Amino acid sequence: MPVVIGNVELAPECKVKTLDPEPEFKVYRGQVRISQLAESAGVPTSTVRYYERVGLMSAPARTASGYRDYADDAAARLRFITRARRMGLSCEQITTLIPVWAGTNCGAAQERVGRLLDEKQQDIAERIAELQQLSDQLDTVRESLDAEPPLAVCRHDLTCCVPESPGRPVAIELAPRH
């Protein structure tokens, strides 16, 4: 069965190529709405708005009715930002990376991303060491708790329930698990 586009009929063996940058991402006259843009990168629309507020994404043109109208390059930039965030890079790090990348200087961007990943690996190694220290402290406290039977009445300083912990305090930032 022939395919008809506008008033042009294509033979069955002709393949229709899409200009969409991603599957299911529709481009209409070079402009897309925020929901389409967000969906193409797998992020909520609130994330796109946030990236605009912090300067990672340029403010788009607006339609007469106030809708955001993103140009073609916005999809590539949003996917770039999303991938960088998923690698654990901060918005500040991405801000320094975008001018290097700018969609054209792959070699410089790759070098800079490599340095940022090395920094992130170092941060992770330091965090693992801190968490191991905390784990060791908790083991010591547990041993202390297990060494003494519970008292009938707690001490006023609660050292019977919460013994002194060796070492320095370890700051822990807990992120919700998804």
Protein backbone atom coordinates (compact mmCIF):
# COMPACT_ATOMS: atom_id res chain seq x y z
CA MET A 1 0.00 0.00 0.00
CA PRO A 2 1.53 3.38 -0.96
CA VAL A 3 2.25 6.02 1.67
CA VAL A 4 0.80 9.49 1.02
CA ILE A 5 2.49 12.55 2.51
CA GLY A 6 0.70 15.78 1.68
CA ASN A 7 -0.06 15.38 -2.03
CA VAL A 8 2.97 13.14 -2.72
CA GLU A 9 2.47 9.40 -3.04
CA LEU A 10 5.50 7.23 -2.16
CA ALA A 11 6.02 3.75 -3.49
CA PRO A 12 5.73 0.97 -0.86
CA GLU A 13 9.50 0.33 -0.93
CA CYS A 14 10.28 3.96 0.04
CA LYS A 15 11.12 4.48 3.67
CA VAL A 16 9.94 7.64 5.36
CA LYS A 17 12.75 9.13 7.44
CA THR A 18 11.93 11.16 10.49
CA LEU A 19 13.64 14.32 11.60
CA ASP A 20 12.85 13.57 15.23
CA PRO A 21 16.03 13.70 17.37
CA GLU A 22 14.71 10.87 19.55
CA PRO A 23 12.04 8.23 18.90
CA GLU A 24 8.59 9.52 19.85
CA PHE A 25 9.95 13.08 20.10
CA LYS A 26 7.99 15.20 17.68
CA VAL A 27 9.40 18.35 16.19
CA TYR A 28 6.91 20.85 14.84
CA ARG A 29 8.45 23.61 12.74
CA GLY A 30 11.57 23.45 14.91
CA GLN A 31 9.68 24.23 18.11
CA VAL A 32 8.59 21.91 20.92
CA ARG A 33 6.61 22.40 24.10
CA ILE A 34 8.11 21.83 27.55
CA SER A 35 6.28 18.52 28.06
CA GLN A 36 7.70 17.12 24.82
CA LEU A 37 11.17 18.38 25.66
CA ALA A 38 11.05 16.92 29.17
CA GLU A 39 9.75 13.59 27.92
CA SER A 40 12.58 13.33 25.38
CA ALA A 41 15.13 13.45 28.20
CA GLY A 42 13.12 11.42 30.69
CA VAL A 43 12.76 14.23 33.24
CA PRO A 44 9.72 16.01 34.67
CA THR A 45 8.80 19.44 33.34
CA SER A 46 9.67 20.89 36.75
CA THR A 47 13.27 19.82 36.14
CA VAL A 48 13.37 21.73 32.86
CA ARG A 49 12.00 24.83 34.62
CA TYR A 50 14.61 24.42 37.37
CA TYR A 51 17.43 24.16 34.81
CA GLU A 52 16.14 27.39 33.28
CA ARG A 53 16.14 29.13 36.69
CA VAL A 54 19.73 28.08 37.49
CA GLY A 55 20.97 28.98 34.01
CA LEU A 56 21.69 25.52 32.60
CA MET A 57 18.98 25.96 29.97
CA SER A 58 18.32 29.19 28.11
CA ALA A 59 14.93 30.76 28.53
CA PRO A 60 12.88 29.73 25.51
CA ALA A 61 10.76 31.92 23.30
CA ARG A 62 7.13 32.16 24.32
CA THR A 63 4.04 31.77 22.24
CA ALA A 64 1.39 34.49 22.24
CA SER A 65 -0.47 32.48 24.87
CA GLY A 66 2.65 32.18 27.08
CA TYR A 67 3.68 28.60 26.34
CA ARG A 68 7.38 27.85 26.25
CA ASP A 69 8.59 27.15 22.71
CA TYR A 70 11.95 25.37 22.62
CA ALA A 71 14.26 25.38 19.60
CA ASP A 72 15.83 22.19 18.20
CA ASP A 73 19.10 22.59 20.14
CA ALA A 74 17.27 22.58 23.49
CA ALA A 75 16.66 18.81 23.27
CA ALA A 76 20.35 18.03 22.78
CA ARG A 77 21.34 20.38 25.60
CA LEU A 78 18.76 18.91 27.99
CA ARG A 79 19.89 15.35 27.22
CA PHE A 80 23.51 16.45 27.80
CA ILE A 81 22.59 17.99 31.17
CA THR A 82 20.49 14.97 32.16
CA ARG A 83 23.30 12.51 31.38
CA ALA A 84 25.79 14.65 33.31
CA ARG A 85 23.43 14.81 36.33
CA ARG A 86 22.96 11.03 36.22
CA MET A 87 26.76 10.68 36.40
CA GLY A 88 26.59 12.62 39.66
CA LEU A 89 27.89 15.93 38.37
CA SER A 90 26.51 18.98 40.17
CA CYS A 91 24.71 21.82 38.41
CA GLU A 92 27.75 24.00 39.12
CA GLN A 93 30.07 21.49 37.44
CA ILE A 94 27.76 21.23 34.44
CA THR A 95 27.65 25.03 34.23
CA THR A 96 31.44 25.06 33.78
CA LEU A 97 31.22 22.22 31.27
CA ILE A 98 28.56 23.65 28.95
CA PRO A 99 30.74 26.41 27.45
CA VAL A 100 33.42 23.81 26.69
CA TRP A 101 30.89 21.49 25.12
CA ALA A 102 28.64 24.00 23.33
CA GLY A 103 27.71 21.10 21.10
CA THR A 104 30.83 21.45 18.93
CA ASN A 105 34.05 20.84 20.87
CA CYS A 106 33.85 17.14 21.69
CA GLY A 107 37.55 16.67 22.48
CA ALA A 108 37.69 19.47 25.05
CA ALA A 109 34.37 18.40 26.54
CA GLN A 110 35.51 14.80 26.82
CA GLU A 111 38.73 15.87 28.55
CA ARG A 112 36.81 18.09 31.00
CA VAL A 113 34.24 15.36 31.72
CA GLY A 114 37.13 12.97 32.44
CA ARG A 115 38.57 15.40 34.99
CA LEU A 116 35.16 15.90 36.59
CA LEU A 117 34.66 12.14 36.82
CA ASP A 118 38.08 11.77 38.45
CA GLU A 119 37.07 14.41 41.01
CA LYS A 120 33.77 12.59 41.61
CA GLN A 121 35.63 9.28 42.10
CA GLN A 122 37.89 10.98 44.68
CA ASP A 123 34.83 12.37 46.50
CA ILE A 124 33.30 8.89 46.54
CA ALA A 125 36.50 7.31 47.90
CA GLU A 126 36.62 9.91 50.69
CA ARG A 127 32.96 9.32 51.49
CA ILE A 128 33.48 5.54 51.60
CA ALA A 129 36.35 6.06 54.08
CA GLU A 130 34.11 8.27 56.25
CA LEU A 131 31.34 5.70 56.18
CA GLN A 132 33.78 2.91 57.06
CA GLN A 133 34.94 5.00 60.03
CA LEU A 134 31.32 5.44 61.10
CA SER A 135 30.70 1.70 60.74
CA ASP A 136 33.73 0.97 62.95
CA GLN A 137 32.44 3.44 65.56
CA LEU A 138 29.02 1.79 65.53
CA ASP A 139 30.65 -1.63 66.01
CA THR A 140 32.50 -0.29 69.07
CA VAL A 141 29.31 1.20 70.52
CA ARG A 142 27.43 -2.05 69.88
CA GLU A 143 30.15 -4.02 71.70
CA SER A 144 29.88 -1.59 74.61
CA LEU A 145 26.09 -2.00 74.76
CA ASP A 146 26.34 -5.78 74.57
CA ALA A 147 29.00 -5.86 77.32
CA GLU A 148 26.69 -4.41 80.01
CA PRO A 149 23.27 -5.75 80.96
CA PRO A 150 20.48 -3.12 80.88
CA LEU A 151 19.95 -1.18 84.09
CA ALA A 152 16.62 -1.08 85.87
CA VAL A 153 16.58 2.72 85.53
CA CYS A 154 18.48 4.80 82.97
CA ARG A 155 21.30 7.04 84.09
CA HIS A 156 20.67 10.78 83.87
CA ASP A 157 23.33 11.18 81.15
CA LEU A 158 21.92 8.16 79.23
CA THR A 159 25.38 6.58 78.90
CA CYS A 160 23.71 3.28 79.68
CA CYS A 161 21.72 3.48 76.44
CA VAL A 162 23.98 5.65 74.30
CA PRO A 163 27.59 4.95 75.27
CA GLU A 164 30.43 7.30 74.40
CA SER A 165 31.61 6.75 70.85
CA PRO A 166 35.31 6.79 70.02
CA GLY A 167 36.58 9.03 67.24
CA ARG A 168 35.14 12.15 65.76
CA PRO A 169 31.57 12.66 64.60
CA VAL A 170 30.89 11.68 61.00
CA ALA A 171 28.47 13.87 59.06
CA ILE A 172 26.01 11.79 57.12
CA GLU A 173 23.78 13.08 54.36
CA LEU A 174 21.09 10.55 53.65
CA ALA A 175 19.38 10.72 50.30
CA PRO A 176 16.03 9.03 49.79
CA ARG A 177 16.20 5.78 47.91
CA HIS A 178 14.20 5.53 44.75
